[in-house]
Amino acid sequence: MMLEPSIDQLQTKINSKYTLVILSARRARQIQNTKIVQIEAPTAAKNVGIALEEIHAGKLTYVSTEYKERR
């Protein structure tokens, strides 16, 4: 079974695998609750796959916040 889009293609958009997982999981929950998708005719059957397609299409991005260490 091949993941489409591939992890290599997705990492050109978001370079951290951890960020990719968190972003796609949160977006999948939004899709489940609202039934609203940002791309036309997604090929994935599951919400996580649709979220990954949105990332690949450039419809879903994130803003990085700098982590500050507490003292």
PDB file of N, CA and C in Angstrom:
ATOM      1  N   MET A   1       0.843  -1.180   0.000  1.00  0.00           N
ATOM      2  CA  MET A   1       0.000   0.000   0.000  1.00  0.00           C
ATOM      3  C   MET A   1       0.885   1.240   0.000  1.00  0.00           C
ATOM      4  N   MET A   2       0.682   2.116  -0.943  1.00  0.00           N
ATOM      5  CA  MET A   2       1.465   3.341  -1.058  1.00  0.00           C
ATOM      6  C   MET A   2       0.675   4.515  -0.505  1.00  0.00           C
ATOM      7  N   LEU A   3       1.352   5.348   0.247  1.00  0.00           N
ATOM      8  CA  LEU A   3       0.756   6.573   0.743  1.00  0.00           C
ATOM      9  C   LEU A   3       0.858   7.616  -0.351  1.00  0.00           C
ATOM     10  N   GLU A   4      -0.236   8.212  -0.683  1.00  0.00           N
ATOM     11  CA  GLU A   4      -0.236   9.249  -1.714  1.00  0.00           C
ATOM     12  C   GLU A   4      -0.875  10.482  -1.135  1.00  0.00           C
ATOM     13  N   PRO A   5      -0.264  11.592  -1.028  1.00  0.00           N
ATOM     14  CA  PRO A   5       1.091  11.911  -1.466  1.00  0.00           C
ATOM     15  C   PRO A   5       2.150  11.275  -0.559  1.00  0.00           C
ATOM     16  N   SER A   6       3.325  11.065  -1.104  1.00  0.00           N
ATOM     17  CA  SER A   6       4.383  10.386  -0.353  1.00  0.00           C
ATOM     18  C   SER A   6       4.946  11.302   0.739  1.00  0.00           C
ATOM     19  N   ILE A   7       5.598  10.697   1.694  1.00  0.00           N
ATOM     20  CA  ILE A   7       6.199  11.463   2.791  1.00  0.00           C
ATOM     21  C   ILE A   7       7.260  12.421   2.263  1.00  0.00           C
ATOM     22  N   ASP A   8       7.971  12.025   1.217  1.00  0.00           N
ATOM     23  CA  ASP A   8       8.980  12.906   0.633  1.00  0.00           C
ATOM     24  C   ASP A   8       8.342  14.155   0.028  1.00  0.00           C
ATOM     25  N   GLN A   9       7.222  13.976  -0.651  1.00  0.00           N
ATOM     26  CA  GLN A   9       6.511  15.118  -1.234  1.00  0.00           C
ATOM     27  C   GLN A   9       5.976  16.035  -0.134  1.00  0.00           C
ATOM     28  N   LEU A  10       5.452  15.447   0.930  1.00  0.00           N
ATOM     29  CA  LEU A  10       4.907  16.239   2.027  1.00  0.00           C
ATOM     30  C   LEU A  10       5.988  16.998   2.773  1.00  0.00           C
ATOM     31  N   GLN A  11       7.178  16.417   2.883  1.00  0.00           N
ATOM     32  CA  GLN A  11       8.252  17.086   3.608  1.00  0.00           C
ATOM     33  C   GLN A  11       8.837  18.266   2.834  1.00  0.00           C
ATOM     34  N   THR A  12       8.485  18.428   1.574  1.00  0.00           N
ATOM     35  CA  THR A  12       8.874  19.649   0.871  1.00  0.00           C
ATOM     36  C   THR A  12       8.010  20.816   1.337  1.00  0.00           C
ATOM     37  N   LYS A  13       6.812  20.522   1.840  1.00  0.00           N
ATOM     38  CA  LYS A  13       5.903  21.553   2.351  1.00  0.00           C
ATOM     39  C   LYS A  13       6.135  21.809   3.841  1.00  0.00           C
ATOM     40  N   ILE A  14       6.282  20.732   4.612  1.00  0.00           N
ATOM     41  CA  ILE A  14       6.481  20.815   6.058  1.00  0.00           C
ATOM     42  C   ILE A  14       7.650  19.900   6.390  1.00  0.00           C
ATOM     43  N   ASN A  15       8.735  20.488   6.878  1.00  0.00           N
ATOM     44  CA  ASN A  15       9.973  19.716   6.990  1.00  0.00           C
ATOM     45  C   ASN A  15      10.068  18.824   8.223  1.00  0.00           C
ATOM     46  N   SER A  16       9.164  18.932   9.153  1.00  0.00           N
ATOM     47  CA  SER A  16       9.216  18.117  10.365  1.00  0.00           C
ATOM     48  C   SER A  16       8.130  17.042  10.314  1.00  0.00           C
ATOM     49  N   LYS A  17       8.528  15.791  10.482  1.00  0.00           N
ATOM     50  CA  LYS A  17       7.545  14.705  10.485  1.00  0.00           C
ATOM     51  C   LYS A  17       6.587  14.846  11.662  1.00  0.00           C
ATOM     52  N   TYR A  18       7.110  15.282  12.805  1.00  0.00           N
ATOM     53  CA  TYR A  18       6.267  15.480  13.977  1.00  0.00           C
ATOM     54  C   TYR A  18       5.194  16.532  13.697  1.00  0.00           C
ATOM     55  N   THR A  19       5.584  17.655  13.125  1.00  0.00           N
ATOM     56  CA  THR A  19       4.634  18.712  12.789  1.00  0.00           C
ATOM     57  C   THR A  19       3.623  18.215  11.774  1.00  0.00           C
ATOM     58  N   LEU A  20       4.069  17.445  10.828  1.00  0.00           N
ATOM     59  CA  LEU A  20       3.189  16.878   9.807  1.00  0.00           C
ATOM     60  C   LEU A  20       2.115  15.989  10.437  1.00  0.00           C
ATOM     61  N   VAL A  21       2.507  15.164  11.379  1.00  0.00           N
ATOM     62  CA  VAL A  21       1.560  14.266  12.056  1.00  0.00           C
ATOM     63  C   VAL A  21       0.547  15.060  12.868  1.00  0.00           C
ATOM     64  N   ILE A  22       1.023  16.017  13.656  1.00  0.00           N
ATOM     65  CA  ILE A  22       0.131  16.806  14.507  1.00  0.00           C
ATOM     66  C   ILE A  22      -0.831  17.632  13.659  1.00  0.00           C
ATOM     67  N   LEU A  23      -0.311  18.280  12.632  1.00  0.00           N
ATOM     68  CA  LEU A  23      -1.146  19.114  11.766  1.00  0.00           C
ATOM     69  C   LEU A  23      -2.209  18.290  11.049  1.00  0.00           C
ATOM     70  N   SER A  24      -1.827  17.151  10.506  1.00  0.00           N
ATOM     71  CA  SER A  24      -2.800  16.334   9.776  1.00  0.00           C
ATOM     72  C   SER A  24      -3.846  15.728  10.721  1.00  0.00           C
ATOM     73  N   ALA A  25      -3.450  15.355  11.936  1.00  0.00           N
ATOM     74  CA  ALA A  25      -4.406  14.802  12.893  1.00  0.00           C
ATOM     75  C   ALA A  25      -5.418  15.853  13.338  1.00  0.00           C
ATOM     76  N   ARG A  26      -4.942  17.056  13.604  1.00  0.00           N
ATOM     77  CA  ARG A  26      -5.866  18.131  14.000  1.00  0.00           C
ATOM     78  C   ARG A  26      -6.823  18.483  12.872  1.00  0.00           C
ATOM     79  N   ARG A  27      -6.284  18.548  11.672  1.00  0.00           N
ATOM     80  CA  ARG A  27      -7.130  18.877  10.518  1.00  0.00           C
ATOM     81  C   ARG A  27      -8.143  17.760  10.258  1.00  0.00           C
ATOM     82  N   ALA A  28      -7.749  16.514  10.443  1.00  0.00           N
ATOM     83  CA  ALA A  28      -8.669  15.380  10.258  1.00  0.00           C
ATOM     84  C   ALA A  28      -9.838  15.482  11.225  1.00  0.00           C
ATOM     85  N   ARG A  29      -9.572  15.892  12.466  1.00  0.00           N
ATOM     86  CA  ARG A  29     -10.658  16.089  13.426  1.00  0.00           C
ATOM     87  C   ARG A  29     -11.591  17.206  12.994  1.00  0.00           C
ATOM     88  N   GLN A  30     -11.028  18.277  12.445  1.00  0.00           N
ATOM     89  CA  GLN A  30     -11.864  19.373  11.939  1.00  0.00           C
ATOM     90  C   GLN A  30     -12.746  18.900  10.799  1.00  0.00           C
ATOM     91  N   ILE A  31     -12.165  18.138   9.894  1.00  0.00           N
ATOM     92  CA  ILE A  31     -12.934  17.612   8.760  1.00  0.00           C
ATOM     93  C   ILE A  31     -14.058  16.719   9.263  1.00  0.00           C
ATOM     94  N   GLN A  32     -13.767  15.892  10.253  1.00  0.00           N
ATOM     95  CA  GLN A  32     -14.779  14.994  10.816  1.00  0.00           C
ATOM     96  C   GLN A  32     -15.934  15.787  11.424  1.00  0.00           C
ATOM     97  N   ASN A  33     -15.618  16.872  12.115  1.00  0.00           N
ATOM     98  CA  ASN A  33     -16.651  17.660  12.787  1.00  0.00           C
ATOM     99  C   ASN A  33     -17.435  18.566  11.848  1.00  0.00           C
ATOM    100  N   THR A  34     -16.768  19.137  10.849  1.00  0.00           N
ATOM    101  CA  THR A  34     -17.422  20.134   9.995  1.00  0.00           C
ATOM    102  C   THR A  34     -17.815  19.617   8.617  1.00  0.00           C
ATOM    103  N   LYS A  35     -17.192  18.530   8.161  1.00  0.00           N
ATOM    104  CA  LYS A  35     -17.417  17.971   6.815  1.00  0.00           C
ATOM    105  C   LYS A  35     -17.015  18.944   5.704  1.00  0.00           C
ATOM    106  N   ILE A  36     -16.167  19.913   6.024  1.00  0.00           N
ATOM    107  CA  ILE A  36     -15.707  20.905   5.046  1.00  0.00           C
ATOM    108  C   ILE A  36     -14.274  20.565   4.649  1.00  0.00           C
ATOM    109  N   VAL A  37     -14.030  20.413   3.346  1.00  0.00           N
ATOM    110  CA  VAL A  37     -12.680  20.168   2.839  1.00  0.00           C
ATOM    111  C   VAL A  37     -12.249  21.330   1.968  1.00  0.00           C
ATOM    112  N   GLN A  38     -10.946  21.551   1.893  1.00  0.00           N
ATOM    113  CA  GLN A  38     -10.407  22.692   1.162  1.00  0.00           C
ATOM    114  C   GLN A  38      -9.964  22.366  -0.254  1.00  0.00           C
ATOM    115  N   ILE A  39     -10.076  21.109  -0.661  1.00  0.00           N
ATOM    116  CA  ILE A  39      -9.701  20.727  -2.018  1.00  0.00           C
ATOM    117  C   ILE A  39     -10.899  20.105  -2.707  1.00  0.00           C
ATOM    118  N   GLU A  40     -10.899  20.200  -4.023  1.00  0.00           N
ATOM    119  CA  GLU A  40     -11.979  19.588  -4.797  1.00  0.00           C
ATOM    120  C   GLU A  40     -11.642  18.143  -5.105  1.00  0.00           C
ATOM    121  N   ALA A  41     -12.601  17.287  -4.971  1.00  0.00           N
ATOM    122  CA  ALA A  41     -12.498  15.861  -5.317  1.00  0.00           C
ATOM    123  C   ALA A  41     -11.289  15.173  -4.692  1.00  0.00           C
ATOM    124  N   PRO A  42     -11.228  15.104  -3.360  1.00  0.00           N
ATOM    125  CA  PRO A  42     -10.107  14.379  -2.742  1.00  0.00           C
ATOM    126  C   PRO A  42     -10.166  12.899  -3.087  1.00  0.00           C
ATOM    127  N   THR A  43      -9.000  12.281  -3.248  1.00  0.00           N
ATOM    128  CA  THR A  43      -8.951  10.867  -3.607  1.00  0.00           C
ATOM    129  C   THR A  43      -8.929   9.960  -2.386  1.00  0.00           C
ATOM    130  N   ALA A  44      -8.561  10.491  -1.228  1.00  0.00           N
ATOM    131  CA  ALA A  44      -8.480   9.694  -0.003  1.00  0.00           C
ATOM    132  C   ALA A  44      -9.878   9.415   0.536  1.00  0.00           C
ATOM    133  N   ALA A  45     -10.019   8.257   1.142  1.00  0.00           N
ATOM    134  CA  ALA A  45     -11.296   7.881   1.729  1.00  0.00           C
ATOM    135  C   ALA A  45     -11.389   8.313   3.188  1.00  0.00           C
ATOM    136  N   LYS A  46     -10.258   8.492   3.832  1.00  0.00           N
ATOM    137  CA  LYS A  46     -10.248   8.832   5.261  1.00  0.00           C
ATOM    138  C   LYS A  46      -9.826  10.282   5.457  1.00  0.00           C
ATOM    139  N   ASN A  47     -10.239  10.823   6.597  1.00  0.00           N
ATOM    140  CA  ASN A  47      -9.993  12.237   6.871  1.00  0.00           C
ATOM    141  C   ASN A  47      -8.515  12.587   6.980  1.00  0.00           C
ATOM    142  N   VAL A  48      -7.704  11.696   7.519  1.00  0.00           N
ATOM    143  CA  VAL A  48      -6.269  11.965   7.608  1.00  0.00           C
ATOM    144  C   VAL A  48      -5.676  12.064   6.204  1.00  0.00           C
ATOM    145  N   GLY A  49      -6.093  11.186   5.316  1.00  0.00           N
ATOM    146  CA  GLY A  49      -5.626  11.237   3.930  1.00  0.00           C
ATOM    147  C   GLY A  49      -6.027  12.525   3.241  1.00  0.00           C
ATOM    148  N   ILE A  50      -7.245  12.976   3.509  1.00  0.00           N
ATOM    149  CA  ILE A  50      -7.710  14.247   2.931  1.00  0.00           C
ATOM    150  C   ILE A  50      -6.863  15.393   3.479  1.00  0.00           C
ATOM    151  N   ALA A  51      -6.572  15.373   4.778  1.00  0.00           N
ATOM    152  CA  ALA A  51      -5.724  16.406   5.381  1.00  0.00           C
ATOM    153  C   ALA A  51      -4.342  16.420   4.737  1.00  0.00           C
ATOM    154  N   LEU A  52      -3.778  15.241   4.485  1.00  0.00           N
ATOM    155  CA  LEU A  52      -2.465  15.165   3.834  1.00  0.00           C
ATOM    156  C   LEU A  52      -2.529  15.698   2.406  1.00  0.00           C
ATOM    157  N   GLU A  53      -3.625  15.439   1.710  1.00  0.00           N
ATOM    158  CA  GLU A  53      -3.801  15.989   0.359  1.00  0.00           C
ATOM    159  C   GLU A  53      -3.893  17.513   0.411  1.00  0.00           C
ATOM    160  N   GLU A  54      -4.554  18.047   1.433  1.00  0.00           N
ATOM    161  CA  GLU A  54      -4.641  19.501   1.585  1.00  0.00           C
ATOM    162  C   GLU A  54      -3.263  20.107   1.833  1.00  0.00           C
ATOM    163  N   ILE A  55      -2.445  19.442   2.634  1.00  0.00           N
ATOM    164  CA  ILE A  55      -1.080  19.917   2.879  1.00  0.00           C
ATOM    165  C   ILE A  55      -0.286  19.911   1.582  1.00  0.00           C
ATOM    166  N   HIS A  56      -0.391  18.820   0.831  1.00  0.00           N
ATOM    167  CA  HIS A  56       0.336  18.699  -0.434  1.00  0.00           C
ATOM    168  C   HIS A  56      -0.101  19.762  -1.442  1.00  0.00           C
ATOM    169  N   ALA A  57      -1.394  20.101  -1.438  1.00  0.00           N
ATOM    170  CA  ALA A  57      -1.921  21.113  -2.358  1.00  0.00           C
ATOM    171  C   ALA A  57      -1.594  22.536  -1.919  1.00  0.00           C
ATOM    172  N   GLY A  58      -1.014  22.675  -0.720  1.00  0.00           N
ATOM    173  CA  GLY A  58      -0.679  24.009  -0.234  1.00  0.00           C
ATOM    174  C   GLY A  58      -1.855  24.736   0.391  1.00  0.00           C
ATOM    175  N   LYS A  59      -2.933  24.042   0.654  1.00  0.00           N
ATOM    176  CA  LYS A  59      -4.122  24.646   1.244  1.00  0.00           C
ATOM    177  C   LYS A  59      -4.056  24.684   2.760  1.00  0.00           C
ATOM    178  N   LEU A  60      -3.157  23.915   3.343  1.00  0.00           N
ATOM    179  CA  LEU A  60      -3.049  23.820   4.790  1.00  0.00           C
ATOM    180  C   LEU A  60      -1.601  24.059   5.186  1.00  0.00           C
ATOM    181  N   THR A  61      -1.386  25.079   5.981  1.00  0.00           N
ATOM    182  CA  THR A  61      -0.045  25.416   6.442  1.00  0.00           C
ATOM    183  C   THR A  61      -0.091  25.659   7.949  1.00  0.00           C
ATOM    184  N   TYR A  62       1.029  26.016   8.512  1.00  0.00           N
ATOM    185  CA  TYR A  62       1.089  26.320   9.937  1.00  0.00           C
ATOM    186  C   TYR A  62       2.056  27.473  10.164  1.00  0.00           C
ATOM    187  N   VAL A  63       1.915  28.087  11.324  1.00  0.00           N
ATOM    188  CA  VAL A  63       2.827  29.147  11.737  1.00  0.00           C
ATOM    189  C   VAL A  63       3.629  28.614  12.910  1.00  0.00           C
ATOM    190  N   SER A  64       4.923  28.610  12.767  1.00  0.00           N
ATOM    191  CA  SER A  64       5.799  28.098  13.806  1.00  0.00           C
ATOM    192  C   SER A  64       5.923  29.133  14.921  1.00  0.00           C
ATOM    193  N   THR A  65       5.791  28.670  16.143  1.00  0.00           N
ATOM    194  CA  THR A  65       6.029  29.540  17.288  1.00  0.00           C
ATOM    195  C   THR A  65       7.302  29.080  17.962  1.00  0.00           C
ATOM    196  N   GLU A  66       8.083  30.009  18.363  1.00  0.00           N
ATOM    197  CA  GLU A  66       9.368  29.674  18.979  1.00  0.00           C
ATOM    198  C   GLU A  66       9.140  29.219  20.406  1.00  0.00           C
ATOM    199  N   TYR A  67       9.732  28.100  20.740  1.00  0.00           N
ATOM    200  CA  TYR A  67       9.633  27.555  22.087  1.00  0.00           C
ATOM    201  C   TYR A  67      10.615  28.293  22.995  1.00  0.00           C
ATOM    202  N   LYS A  68      10.114  28.793  24.110  1.00  0.00           N
ATOM    203  CA  LYS A  68      10.979  29.468  25.067  1.00  0.00           C
ATOM    204  C   LYS A  68      11.087  28.609  26.310  1.00  0.00           C
ATOM    205  N   GLU A  69      12.309  28.358  26.710  1.00  0.00           N
ATOM    206  CA  GLU A  69      12.556  27.519  27.877  1.00  0.00           C
ATOM    207  C   GLU A  69      12.228  28.309  29.145  1.00  0.00           C
ATOM    208  N   ARG A  70      11.491  27.668  30.034  1.00  0.00           N
ATOM    209  CA  ARG A  70      11.166  28.309  31.309  1.00  0.00           C
ATOM    210  C   ARG A  70      12.325  28.123  32.278  1.00  0.00           C
ATOM    211  N   ARG A  71      12.529  29.109  33.089  1.00  0.00           N
ATOM    212  CA  ARG A  71      13.610  29.043  34.091  1.00  0.00           C
ATOM    213  C   ARG A  71      13.050  29.181  35.457  1.00  0.00           C
TER     214      ARG A  71
END
